[in-house]
């Protein structure tokens, strides 16, 4: 009887637990998920900068563009350690769905309350808060501590945006929402830098 052959790996396929560049691992959740985060961060910036003065809006675009370049380098170009992902529990899918559902409910409730108070311009602060809180359960469910740092930062910014918007001006809410997008990119960049080998080539 012929001996079964062991499956072979393509020479071009990346190995697990190796130093590699993100553009070679586009199917990896650490690169694909980062792209989704960058898109969300960009939405926060561009959906809210229109409520700022022309000078501040232009400044936001410049900072966002610089952060996006840094993001692309850190996530897709810089050599990083890609360790074998830990298997996620069976409940991870339920955690994800529950978190998304909770986020949507919080946004809708916040919208109703703020519109009733005549402060619809503060709704972006609620969105920041809701998105941040929905990230927190992901840290444990997907073995990704970055979600805890990101979620806490966004939750704090969201509360600040709502409070300042209600007691001062909704322009501050928009400014904090723009800042949130930059912070999201910064957290993703910092998380990628944690995986950089000490003597990795540029």
N, C-alpha and C. Protein backbone atom coordinates (compact mmCIF):
# COMPACT_ATOMS: atom_id res chain seq x y z
N UNK A 1 0.85 -1.20 0.00
CA UNK A 1 0.00 0.00 0.00
C UNK A 1 0.88 1.24 0.00
N UNK A 2 0.52 2.15 -0.85
CA UNK A 2 1.33 3.37 -0.95
C UNK A 2 1.18 4.20 0.33
N UNK A 3 2.29 4.74 0.75
CA UNK A 3 2.29 5.56 1.97
C UNK A 3 1.72 6.94 1.65
N UNK A 4 0.75 7.39 2.43
CA UNK A 4 0.16 8.70 2.14
C UNK A 4 1.20 9.80 2.26
N UNK A 5 1.16 10.72 1.35
CA UNK A 5 2.10 11.82 1.38
C UNK A 5 1.65 12.89 2.36
N UNK A 6 2.62 13.50 3.00
CA UNK A 6 2.32 14.60 3.91
C UNK A 6 2.00 15.84 3.08
N UNK A 7 1.03 16.63 3.52
CA UNK A 7 0.72 17.85 2.76
C UNK A 7 1.92 18.77 2.73
N UNK A 8 2.14 19.33 1.59
CA UNK A 8 3.28 20.23 1.43
C UNK A 8 2.79 21.66 1.40
N UNK A 9 3.65 22.56 1.84
CA UNK A 9 3.33 23.99 1.86
C UNK A 9 4.01 24.66 0.68
N UNK A 10 3.30 25.51 0.04
CA UNK A 10 3.89 26.24 -1.08
C UNK A 10 5.10 27.03 -0.61
N UNK A 11 6.17 27.08 -1.40
CA UNK A 11 7.35 27.83 -0.98
C UNK A 11 7.05 29.29 -0.71
N UNK A 12 6.03 29.82 -1.37
CA UNK A 12 5.71 31.23 -1.19
C UNK A 12 4.77 31.49 -0.03
N UNK A 13 4.23 30.40 0.58
CA UNK A 13 3.28 30.58 1.68
C UNK A 13 4.02 30.93 2.95
N UNK A 14 3.54 31.91 3.74
CA UNK A 14 4.23 32.30 4.95
C UNK A 14 4.10 31.24 6.03
N UNK A 15 5.13 31.11 6.85
CA UNK A 15 5.11 30.17 7.96
C UNK A 15 4.50 30.84 9.17
N UNK A 16 3.94 30.00 10.07
CA UNK A 16 3.44 30.52 11.33
C UNK A 16 4.61 30.80 12.25
N UNK A 17 4.40 31.65 13.26
CA UNK A 17 5.43 31.98 14.24
C UNK A 17 6.69 32.48 13.55
N UNK A 18 6.54 33.38 12.58
CA UNK A 18 7.68 33.87 11.84
C UNK A 18 7.62 35.39 11.74
N UNK A 19 8.76 35.98 11.40
CA UNK A 19 8.81 37.41 11.13
C UNK A 19 8.46 37.61 9.66
N UNK A 20 7.50 38.46 9.41
CA UNK A 20 7.04 38.66 8.04
C UNK A 20 6.48 40.07 7.93
N UNK A 21 6.09 40.44 6.73
CA UNK A 21 5.47 41.74 6.48
C UNK A 21 3.98 41.54 6.24
N UNK A 22 3.19 42.50 6.71
CA UNK A 22 1.75 42.33 6.68
C UNK A 22 1.16 42.17 5.30
N UNK A 23 1.76 42.79 4.28
CA UNK A 23 1.17 42.69 2.95
C UNK A 23 1.26 41.28 2.40
N UNK A 24 2.09 40.42 3.04
CA UNK A 24 2.16 39.02 2.63
C UNK A 24 1.14 38.18 3.38
N UNK A 25 0.44 38.77 4.34
CA UNK A 25 -0.51 38.03 5.17
C UNK A 25 -1.84 38.77 5.23
N UNK A 26 -2.38 39.10 4.10
CA UNK A 26 -3.61 39.88 4.05
C UNK A 26 -4.81 39.12 4.60
N UNK A 27 -4.73 37.79 4.62
CA UNK A 27 -5.84 37.00 5.16
C UNK A 27 -5.76 36.87 6.68
N UNK A 28 -4.67 37.31 7.28
CA UNK A 28 -4.50 37.21 8.72
C UNK A 28 -5.41 38.24 9.41
N UNK A 29 -6.11 37.84 10.48
CA UNK A 29 -7.00 38.80 11.16
C UNK A 29 -6.27 40.04 11.67
N UNK A 30 -4.97 39.90 11.93
CA UNK A 30 -4.22 41.05 12.44
C UNK A 30 -3.96 42.10 11.37
N UNK A 31 -4.08 41.73 10.12
CA UNK A 31 -3.94 42.72 9.05
C UNK A 31 -5.32 43.11 8.49
N UNK A 32 -6.16 42.11 8.25
CA UNK A 32 -7.51 42.41 7.76
C UNK A 32 -8.31 43.19 8.78
N UNK A 33 -8.23 42.78 10.05
CA UNK A 33 -8.96 43.50 11.09
C UNK A 33 -8.45 44.92 11.27
N UNK A 34 -7.13 45.09 11.12
CA UNK A 34 -6.56 46.44 11.23
C UNK A 34 -7.09 47.35 10.14
N UNK A 35 -7.28 46.79 8.94
CA UNK A 35 -7.82 47.60 7.85
C UNK A 35 -9.24 48.06 8.15
N UNK A 36 -10.05 47.16 8.71
CA UNK A 36 -11.41 47.55 9.10
C UNK A 36 -11.37 48.67 10.14
N UNK A 37 -10.44 48.54 11.09
CA UNK A 37 -10.30 49.59 12.10
C UNK A 37 -9.88 50.91 11.49
N UNK A 38 -8.99 50.86 10.50
CA UNK A 38 -8.54 52.10 9.86
C UNK A 38 -9.68 52.76 9.09
N UNK A 39 -10.53 51.96 8.48
CA UNK A 39 -11.68 52.51 7.77
C UNK A 39 -12.62 53.20 8.77
N UNK A 40 -12.89 52.53 9.89
CA UNK A 40 -13.74 53.13 10.91
C UNK A 40 -13.15 54.41 11.46
N UNK A 41 -11.84 54.41 11.69
CA UNK A 41 -11.17 55.61 12.18
C UNK A 41 -11.31 56.75 11.18
N UNK A 42 -11.16 56.45 9.91
CA UNK A 42 -11.28 57.47 8.86
C UNK A 42 -12.69 58.04 8.80
N UNK A 43 -13.67 57.19 9.03
CA UNK A 43 -15.06 57.66 9.05
C UNK A 43 -15.27 58.67 10.18
N UNK A 44 -14.72 58.37 11.36
CA UNK A 44 -14.85 59.31 12.48
C UNK A 44 -14.24 60.66 12.12
N UNK A 45 -13.09 60.64 11.47
CA UNK A 45 -12.42 61.89 11.13
C UNK A 45 -13.24 62.70 10.11
N UNK A 46 -13.58 62.05 9.01
CA UNK A 46 -14.19 62.80 7.91
C UNK A 46 -15.67 63.08 8.11
N UNK A 47 -16.36 62.28 8.91
CA UNK A 47 -17.77 62.55 9.16
C UNK A 47 -17.97 63.71 10.13
N UNK A 48 -16.92 64.05 10.87
CA UNK A 48 -17.07 65.07 11.91
C UNK A 48 -16.26 66.33 11.68
N UNK A 49 -15.24 66.28 10.83
CA UNK A 49 -14.41 67.47 10.63
C UNK A 49 -15.16 68.60 9.94
N UNK A 50 -16.24 68.27 9.25
CA UNK A 50 -17.03 69.30 8.57
C UNK A 50 -17.66 70.26 9.57
N UNK A 51 -17.78 69.86 10.83
CA UNK A 51 -18.38 70.71 11.86
C UNK A 51 -17.34 71.60 12.54
N UNK A 52 -16.10 71.52 12.07
CA UNK A 52 -15.04 72.35 12.62
C UNK A 52 -14.78 73.53 11.68
N UNK A 53 -14.01 74.49 12.15
CA UNK A 53 -13.62 75.60 11.28
C UNK A 53 -12.74 75.08 10.16
N UNK A 54 -12.59 75.90 9.11
CA UNK A 54 -11.81 75.46 7.95
C UNK A 54 -10.38 75.11 8.34
N UNK A 55 -9.77 75.91 9.20
CA UNK A 55 -8.39 75.66 9.58
C UNK A 55 -8.26 74.36 10.37
N UNK A 56 -9.15 74.14 11.32
CA UNK A 56 -9.10 72.92 12.11
C UNK A 56 -9.44 71.70 11.26
N UNK A 57 -10.35 71.86 10.33
CA UNK A 57 -10.70 70.75 9.45
C UNK A 57 -9.51 70.37 8.58
N UNK A 58 -8.80 71.36 8.05
CA UNK A 58 -7.62 71.07 7.24
C UNK A 58 -6.54 70.41 8.10
N UNK A 59 -6.36 70.92 9.31
CA UNK A 59 -5.39 70.31 10.21
C UNK A 59 -5.72 68.86 10.51
N UNK A 60 -7.02 68.56 10.66
CA UNK A 60 -7.43 67.18 10.91
C UNK A 60 -7.08 66.27 9.74
N UNK A 61 -7.25 66.79 8.52
CA UNK A 61 -6.92 66.00 7.34
C UNK A 61 -5.43 65.71 7.29
N UNK A 62 -4.62 66.72 7.60
CA UNK A 62 -3.16 66.54 7.57
C UNK A 62 -2.72 65.50 8.60
N UNK A 63 -3.25 65.59 9.82
CA UNK A 63 -2.89 64.63 10.86
C UNK A 63 -3.38 63.24 10.50
N UNK A 64 -4.61 63.16 9.99
CA UNK A 64 -5.15 61.86 9.57
C UNK A 64 -4.30 61.23 8.48
N UNK A 65 -3.89 62.02 7.49
CA UNK A 65 -3.08 61.49 6.39
C UNK A 65 -1.74 60.96 6.91
N UNK A 66 -1.11 61.71 7.83
CA UNK A 66 0.15 61.26 8.40
C UNK A 66 -0.04 59.98 9.20
N UNK A 67 -1.13 59.92 9.97
CA UNK A 67 -1.40 58.72 10.75
C UNK A 67 -1.69 57.53 9.84
N UNK A 68 -2.36 57.78 8.72
CA UNK A 68 -2.67 56.68 7.81
C UNK A 68 -1.41 56.13 7.16
N UNK A 69 -0.47 57.01 6.83
CA UNK A 69 0.81 56.54 6.29
C UNK A 69 1.55 55.70 7.32
N UNK A 70 1.56 56.18 8.57
CA UNK A 70 2.21 55.41 9.63
C UNK A 70 1.52 54.07 9.84
N UNK A 71 0.20 54.07 9.74
CA UNK A 71 -0.56 52.82 9.86
C UNK A 71 -0.16 51.84 8.77
N UNK A 72 -0.11 52.31 7.53
CA UNK A 72 0.23 51.42 6.42
C UNK A 72 1.62 50.84 6.60
N UNK A 73 2.56 51.65 7.06
CA UNK A 73 3.92 51.16 7.27
C UNK A 73 3.97 50.13 8.40
N UNK A 74 3.33 50.47 9.54
CA UNK A 74 3.43 49.59 10.70
C UNK A 74 2.71 48.27 10.50
N UNK A 75 1.57 48.30 9.82
CA UNK A 75 0.75 47.10 9.69
C UNK A 75 1.15 46.25 8.49
N UNK A 76 1.54 46.89 7.38
CA UNK A 76 1.72 46.14 6.14
C UNK A 76 3.16 46.09 5.62
N UNK A 77 4.01 47.01 6.04
CA UNK A 77 5.37 47.06 5.50
C UNK A 77 6.41 46.63 6.52
N UNK A 78 6.30 47.10 7.73
CA UNK A 78 7.28 46.81 8.77
C UNK A 78 7.34 45.32 9.08
N UNK A 79 8.53 44.73 9.19
CA UNK A 79 8.62 43.33 9.62
C UNK A 79 8.05 43.16 11.03
N UNK A 80 7.21 42.15 11.20
CA UNK A 80 6.55 41.89 12.47
C UNK A 80 6.60 40.40 12.79
N UNK A 81 6.42 40.09 14.07
CA UNK A 81 6.28 38.69 14.47
C UNK A 81 4.82 38.29 14.32
N UNK A 82 4.57 37.27 13.54
CA UNK A 82 3.23 36.72 13.38
C UNK A 82 3.20 35.37 14.09
N UNK A 83 2.80 35.39 15.36
CA UNK A 83 2.71 34.14 16.10
C UNK A 83 1.42 33.42 15.74
N UNK A 84 1.41 32.14 16.00
CA UNK A 84 0.23 31.35 15.69
C UNK A 84 -0.96 31.82 16.54
N UNK A 85 -2.07 32.20 15.92
CA UNK A 85 -3.22 32.68 16.70
C UNK A 85 -3.77 31.60 17.61
N UNK A 86 -4.17 32.00 18.81
CA UNK A 86 -4.81 31.06 19.73
C UNK A 86 -6.23 30.79 19.26
N UNK A 87 -6.69 29.55 19.40
CA UNK A 87 -8.08 29.25 19.00
C UNK A 87 -9.07 30.02 19.87
N UNK A 88 -10.09 30.56 19.24
CA UNK A 88 -11.08 31.33 19.99
C UNK A 88 -12.15 30.38 20.52
N UNK A 89 -12.75 30.72 21.65
CA UNK A 89 -13.80 29.84 22.20
C UNK A 89 -15.03 29.82 21.31
N UNK A 90 -15.86 28.82 21.52
CA UNK A 90 -17.08 28.70 20.71
C UNK A 90 -18.04 29.85 20.94
N UNK A 91 -17.91 30.49 22.08
CA UNK A 91 -18.82 31.59 22.41
C UNK A 91 -18.41 32.91 21.76
N UNK A 92 -17.28 32.92 21.05
CA UNK A 92 -16.78 34.18 20.49
C UNK A 92 -17.79 34.80 19.54
N UNK A 93 -18.44 33.97 18.73
CA UNK A 93 -19.43 34.49 17.80
C UNK A 93 -20.59 35.15 18.51
N UNK A 94 -21.04 34.53 19.60
CA UNK A 94 -22.14 35.12 20.37
C UNK A 94 -21.71 36.42 21.03
N UNK A 95 -20.47 36.45 21.51
CA UNK A 95 -19.94 37.68 22.10
C UNK A 95 -19.94 38.80 21.07
N UNK A 96 -19.51 38.46 19.88
CA UNK A 96 -19.46 39.46 18.80
C UNK A 96 -20.87 39.99 18.49
N UNK A 97 -21.80 39.08 18.28
CA UNK A 97 -23.16 39.49 17.95
C UNK A 97 -23.79 40.30 19.08
N UNK A 98 -23.57 39.85 20.32
CA UNK A 98 -24.12 40.58 21.46
C UNK A 98 -23.53 41.96 21.59
N UNK A 99 -22.23 42.09 21.33
CA UNK A 99 -21.58 43.39 21.43
C UNK A 99 -22.09 44.35 20.36
N UNK A 100 -22.24 43.84 19.15
CA UNK A 100 -22.75 44.68 18.07
C UNK A 100 -24.19 45.10 18.35
N UNK A 101 -24.99 44.16 18.84
CA UNK A 101 -26.39 44.49 19.16
C UNK A 101 -26.45 45.54 20.26
N UNK A 102 -25.63 45.37 21.30
CA UNK A 102 -25.61 46.35 22.38
C UNK A 102 -25.18 47.72 21.89
N UNK A 103 -24.20 47.76 20.98
CA UNK A 103 -23.75 49.03 20.42
C UNK A 103 -24.88 49.73 19.69
N UNK A 104 -25.60 48.98 18.87
CA UNK A 104 -26.69 49.57 18.10
C UNK A 104 -27.79 50.11 19.02
N UNK A 105 -28.13 49.32 20.04
CA UNK A 105 -29.17 49.75 20.99
C UNK A 105 -28.74 51.03 21.70
N UNK A 106 -27.49 51.08 22.17
CA UNK A 106 -27.01 52.26 22.89
C UNK A 106 -27.04 53.50 21.99
N UNK A 107 -26.63 53.33 20.74
CA UNK A 107 -26.65 54.47 19.82
C UNK A 107 -28.07 54.97 19.60
N UNK A 108 -29.01 54.04 19.42
CA UNK A 108 -30.39 54.45 19.16
C UNK A 108 -31.03 55.10 20.39
N UNK A 109 -30.76 54.54 21.57
CA UNK A 109 -31.29 55.14 22.79
C UNK A 109 -30.68 56.53 22.99
N UNK A 110 -29.38 56.64 22.80
CA UNK A 110 -28.73 57.93 22.93
C UNK A 110 -29.27 58.95 21.95
N UNK A 111 -29.54 58.49 20.72
CA UNK A 111 -30.10 59.39 19.71
C UNK A 111 -31.47 59.92 20.16
N UNK A 112 -32.31 59.02 20.66
CA UNK A 112 -33.66 59.44 21.10
C UNK A 112 -33.57 60.45 22.24
N UNK A 113 -32.71 60.18 23.20
CA UNK A 113 -32.58 61.06 24.37
C UNK A 113 -32.04 62.43 23.95
N UNK A 114 -31.00 62.43 23.13
CA UNK A 114 -30.38 63.70 22.75
C UNK A 114 -31.29 64.51 21.83
N UNK A 115 -32.02 63.86 20.94
CA UNK A 115 -32.96 64.60 20.11
C UNK A 115 -34.09 65.18 20.94
N UNK A 116 -34.50 64.46 21.97
CA UNK A 116 -35.54 64.98 22.86
C UNK A 116 -35.04 66.20 23.64
N UNK A 117 -33.74 66.24 23.92
CA UNK A 117 -33.14 67.38 24.62
C UNK A 117 -32.77 68.50 23.67
N UNK A 118 -33.01 68.31 22.39
CA UNK A 118 -32.64 69.33 21.42
C UNK A 118 -31.15 69.42 21.19
N UNK A 119 -30.46 68.29 21.36
CA UNK A 119 -29.00 68.29 21.19
C UNK A 119 -28.56 67.18 20.25
N UNK A 120 -29.10 67.13 19.04
CA UNK A 120 -28.71 66.05 18.11
C UNK A 120 -27.25 66.11 17.69
N UNK A 121 -26.63 67.30 17.80
CA UNK A 121 -25.23 67.44 17.39
C UNK A 121 -24.28 66.71 18.34
N UNK A 122 -24.80 66.27 19.48
CA UNK A 122 -23.96 65.56 20.45
C UNK A 122 -23.97 64.05 20.19
N UNK A 123 -24.81 63.61 19.26
CA UNK A 123 -24.92 62.17 18.99
C UNK A 123 -23.58 61.52 18.63
N UNK A 124 -22.68 62.19 17.90
CA UNK A 124 -21.38 61.56 17.64
C UNK A 124 -20.64 61.11 18.90
N UNK A 125 -20.84 61.82 19.99
CA UNK A 125 -20.22 61.39 21.25
C UNK A 125 -20.76 60.06 21.72
N UNK A 126 -22.07 59.87 21.57
CA UNK A 126 -22.69 58.59 21.94
C UNK A 126 -22.16 57.47 21.05
N UNK A 127 -21.98 57.79 19.77
CA UNK A 127 -21.45 56.78 18.85
C UNK A 127 -20.05 56.37 19.26
N UNK A 128 -19.22 57.34 19.60
CA UNK A 128 -17.85 57.03 20.07
C UNK A 128 -17.91 56.13 21.30
N UNK A 129 -18.76 56.49 22.26
CA UNK A 129 -18.90 55.70 23.48
C UNK A 129 -19.37 54.29 23.18
N UNK A 130 -20.40 54.16 22.34
CA UNK A 130 -20.97 52.85 22.04
C UNK A 130 -19.98 51.96 21.31
N UNK A 131 -19.28 52.53 20.34
CA UNK A 131 -18.29 51.73 19.61
C UNK A 131 -17.16 51.29 20.55
N UNK A 132 -16.73 52.19 21.41
CA UNK A 132 -15.68 51.83 22.36
C UNK A 132 -16.10 50.71 23.29
N UNK A 133 -17.29 50.81 23.87
CA UNK A 133 -17.76 49.77 24.79
C UNK A 133 -17.91 48.42 24.08
N UNK A 134 -18.31 48.45 22.82
CA UNK A 134 -18.54 47.18 22.12
C UNK A 134 -17.23 46.45 21.83
N UNK A 135 -16.10 47.19 21.89
CA UNK A 135 -14.80 46.54 21.70
C UNK A 135 -14.33 45.77 22.93
N UNK A 136 -14.76 46.17 24.11
CA UNK A 136 -14.20 45.61 25.35
C UNK A 136 -14.33 44.09 25.45
N UNK A 137 -15.50 43.50 25.15
CA UNK A 137 -15.59 42.03 25.26
C UNK A 137 -14.71 41.29 24.26
N UNK A 138 -14.29 41.97 23.19
CA UNK A 138 -13.47 41.30 22.19
C UNK A 138 -12.10 40.92 22.73
N UNK A 139 -11.62 41.68 23.71
CA UNK A 139 -10.27 41.43 24.24
C UNK A 139 -10.13 40.01 24.74
N UNK A 140 -11.13 39.55 25.47
CA UNK A 140 -11.08 38.19 26.01
C UNK A 140 -11.56 37.16 25.00
N UNK A 141 -12.62 37.50 24.27
CA UNK A 141 -13.20 36.52 23.35
C UNK A 141 -12.24 36.17 22.22
N UNK A 142 -11.44 37.15 21.77
CA UNK A 142 -10.55 36.91 20.64
C UNK A 142 -9.07 36.97 21.03
N UNK A 143 -8.80 36.93 22.35
CA UNK A 143 -7.42 36.91 22.85
C UNK A 143 -6.61 38.07 22.27
N UNK A 144 -7.21 39.26 22.28
CA UNK A 144 -6.55 40.42 21.70
C UNK A 144 -6.63 41.58 22.68
N UNK A 145 -5.62 41.76 23.53
CA UNK A 145 -5.66 42.82 24.54
C UNK A 145 -5.80 44.23 23.95
N UNK A 146 -5.41 44.40 22.69
CA UNK A 146 -5.54 45.72 22.07
C UNK A 146 -6.96 46.23 22.15
N UNK A 147 -7.95 45.35 22.05
CA UNK A 147 -9.34 45.78 22.10
C UNK A 147 -9.67 46.42 23.44
N UNK A 148 -9.01 45.98 24.50
CA UNK A 148 -9.27 46.58 25.81
C UNK A 148 -8.73 48.01 25.84
N UNK A 149 -7.52 48.20 25.35
CA UNK A 149 -6.94 49.54 25.32
C UNK A 149 -7.75 50.46 24.41
N UNK A 150 -8.12 49.95 23.25
CA UNK A 150 -8.89 50.75 22.31
C UNK A 150 -10.27 51.07 22.86
N UNK A 151 -10.93 50.08 23.43
CA UNK A 151 -12.26 50.29 23.96
C UNK A 151 -12.29 51.28 25.10
N UNK A 152 -11.34 51.17 26.02
CA UNK A 152 -11.30 52.10 27.15
C UNK A 152 -11.02 53.52 26.68
N UNK A 153 -10.08 53.67 25.76
CA UNK A 153 -9.76 55.01 25.26
C UNK A 153 -10.98 55.64 24.59
N UNK A 154 -11.68 54.87 23.78
CA UNK A 154 -12.85 55.40 23.08
C UNK A 154 -13.99 55.68 24.04
N UNK A 155 -14.18 54.82 25.03
CA UNK A 155 -15.26 55.04 26.00
C UNK A 155 -15.03 56.35 26.76
N UNK A 156 -13.79 56.58 27.16
CA UNK A 156 -13.47 57.82 27.88
C UNK A 156 -13.71 59.03 26.98
N UNK A 157 -13.24 58.95 25.75
CA UNK A 157 -13.45 60.05 24.81
C UNK A 157 -14.94 60.26 24.53
N UNK A 158 -15.70 59.16 24.45
CA UNK A 158 -17.12 59.28 24.20
C UNK A 158 -17.86 59.99 25.33
N UNK A 159 -17.56 59.60 26.56
CA UNK A 159 -18.18 60.27 27.71
C UNK A 159 -17.82 61.75 27.72
N UNK A 160 -16.54 62.03 27.47
CA UNK A 160 -16.09 63.43 27.44
C UNK A 160 -16.80 64.21 26.35
N UNK A 161 -16.97 63.59 25.18
CA UNK A 161 -17.63 64.28 24.07
C UNK A 161 -19.08 64.60 24.39
N UNK A 162 -19.77 63.68 25.05
CA UNK A 162 -21.17 63.92 25.40
C UNK A 162 -21.28 65.01 26.46
N UNK A 163 -20.47 64.89 27.50
CA UNK A 163 -20.55 65.86 28.60
C UNK A 163 -20.20 67.26 28.13
N UNK A 164 -19.08 67.37 27.44
CA UNK A 164 -18.65 68.70 26.97
C UNK A 164 -19.65 69.27 25.97
N UNK A 165 -20.20 68.41 25.12
CA UNK A 165 -21.17 68.88 24.15
C UNK A 165 -22.44 69.41 24.78
N UNK A 166 -22.84 68.79 25.89
CA UNK A 166 -24.08 69.22 26.56
C UNK A 166 -23.88 70.48 27.41
N UNK A 167 -22.73 70.61 28.04
CA UNK A 167 -22.54 71.74 28.95
C UNK A 167 -21.81 72.90 28.31
N UNK A 168 -21.22 72.68 27.12
CA UNK A 168 -20.46 73.76 26.49
C UNK A 168 -20.91 73.97 25.05
N UNK A 169 -20.33 73.21 24.12
CA UNK A 169 -20.64 73.39 22.71
C UNK A 169 -20.52 72.07 21.96
N UNK A 170 -21.39 71.87 21.01
CA UNK A 170 -21.36 70.65 20.22
C UNK A 170 -20.15 70.60 19.29
N UNK A 171 -19.54 71.75 19.04
CA UNK A 171 -18.31 71.76 18.24
C UNK A 171 -17.22 70.95 18.91
N UNK A 172 -17.20 71.01 20.24
CA UNK A 172 -16.22 70.21 20.99
C UNK A 172 -16.50 68.73 20.82
N UNK A 173 -17.77 68.36 20.73
CA UNK A 173 -18.12 66.96 20.48
C UNK A 173 -17.55 66.50 19.15
N UNK A 174 -17.72 67.32 18.12
CA UNK A 174 -17.18 66.97 16.80
C UNK A 174 -15.67 66.86 16.85
N UNK A 175 -15.02 67.78 17.56
CA UNK A 175 -13.56 67.76 17.65
C UNK A 175 -13.08 66.48 18.33
N UNK A 176 -13.77 66.06 19.38
CA UNK A 176 -13.37 64.84 20.09
C UNK A 176 -13.63 63.62 19.22
N UNK A 177 -14.70 63.65 18.43
CA UNK A 177 -14.97 62.54 17.52
C UNK A 177 -13.88 62.42 16.47
N UNK A 178 -13.41 63.57 15.96
CA UNK A 178 -12.28 63.55 15.02
C UNK A 178 -11.04 63.00 15.71
N UNK A 179 -10.79 63.47 16.92
CA UNK A 179 -9.64 62.98 17.68
C UNK A 179 -9.73 61.47 17.90
N UNK A 180 -10.94 60.97 18.08
CA UNK A 180 -11.12 59.53 18.28
C UNK A 180 -10.59 58.74 17.09
N UNK A 181 -10.85 59.23 15.88
CA UNK A 181 -10.34 58.53 14.70
C UNK A 181 -8.83 58.46 14.70
N UNK A 182 -8.17 59.54 15.10
CA UNK A 182 -6.71 59.55 15.17
C UNK A 182 -6.22 58.61 16.25
N UNK A 183 -6.92 58.61 17.38
CA UNK A 183 -6.54 57.71 18.48
C UNK A 183 -6.67 56.25 18.05
N UNK A 184 -7.72 55.93 17.32
CA UNK A 184 -7.89 54.55 16.83
C UNK A 184 -6.70 54.12 15.98
N UNK A 185 -6.29 54.98 15.06
CA UNK A 185 -5.13 54.66 14.23
C UNK A 185 -3.88 54.52 15.09
N UNK A 186 -3.72 55.39 16.09
CA UNK A 186 -2.55 55.34 16.95
C UNK A 186 -2.49 54.03 17.74
N UNK A 187 -3.64 53.58 18.24
CA UNK A 187 -3.66 52.32 19.00
C UNK A 187 -3.32 51.14 18.09
N UNK A 188 -3.83 51.14 16.88
CA UNK A 188 -3.51 50.06 15.95
C UNK A 188 -2.02 50.07 15.61
N UNK A 189 -1.47 51.26 15.40
CA UNK A 189 -0.03 51.37 15.10
C UNK A 189 0.79 50.87 16.28
N UNK A 190 0.43 51.31 17.48
CA UNK A 190 1.17 50.88 18.67
C UNK A 190 1.11 49.37 18.85
N UNK A 191 -0.03 48.79 18.56
CA UNK A 191 -0.17 47.34 18.70
C UNK A 191 0.73 46.61 17.70
N UNK A 192 0.84 47.13 16.49
CA UNK A 192 1.72 46.53 15.49
C UNK A 192 3.18 46.67 15.91
N UNK A 193 3.54 47.81 16.47
CA UNK A 193 4.92 48.03 16.90
C UNK A 193 5.34 47.08 18.01
N UNK A 194 4.39 46.62 18.80
CA UNK A 194 4.71 45.65 19.85
C UNK A 194 5.25 44.34 19.28
N UNK A 195 4.89 44.05 18.02
CA UNK A 195 5.31 42.80 17.39
C UNK A 195 6.59 42.97 16.58
N UNK A 196 7.20 44.13 16.62
CA UNK A 196 8.40 44.36 15.82
C UNK A 196 9.61 43.75 16.51
N UNK A 197 10.35 42.89 15.84
CA UNK A 197 11.58 42.35 16.43
C UNK A 197 12.57 43.46 16.71
N UNK A 198 13.39 43.27 17.71
CA UNK A 198 14.31 44.34 18.12
C UNK A 198 15.26 44.75 17.02
N UNK A 199 15.70 43.79 16.22
CA UNK A 199 16.69 44.11 15.20
C UNK A 199 16.13 43.90 13.80
N UNK A 200 14.83 44.11 13.66
CA UNK A 200 14.22 43.92 12.33
C UNK A 200 14.67 45.01 11.39
N UNK A 201 14.89 44.70 10.11
CA UNK A 201 15.26 45.71 9.14
C UNK A 201 14.09 46.64 8.88
N UNK A 202 14.38 47.85 8.48
CA UNK A 202 13.32 48.80 8.14
C UNK A 202 12.73 48.44 6.78
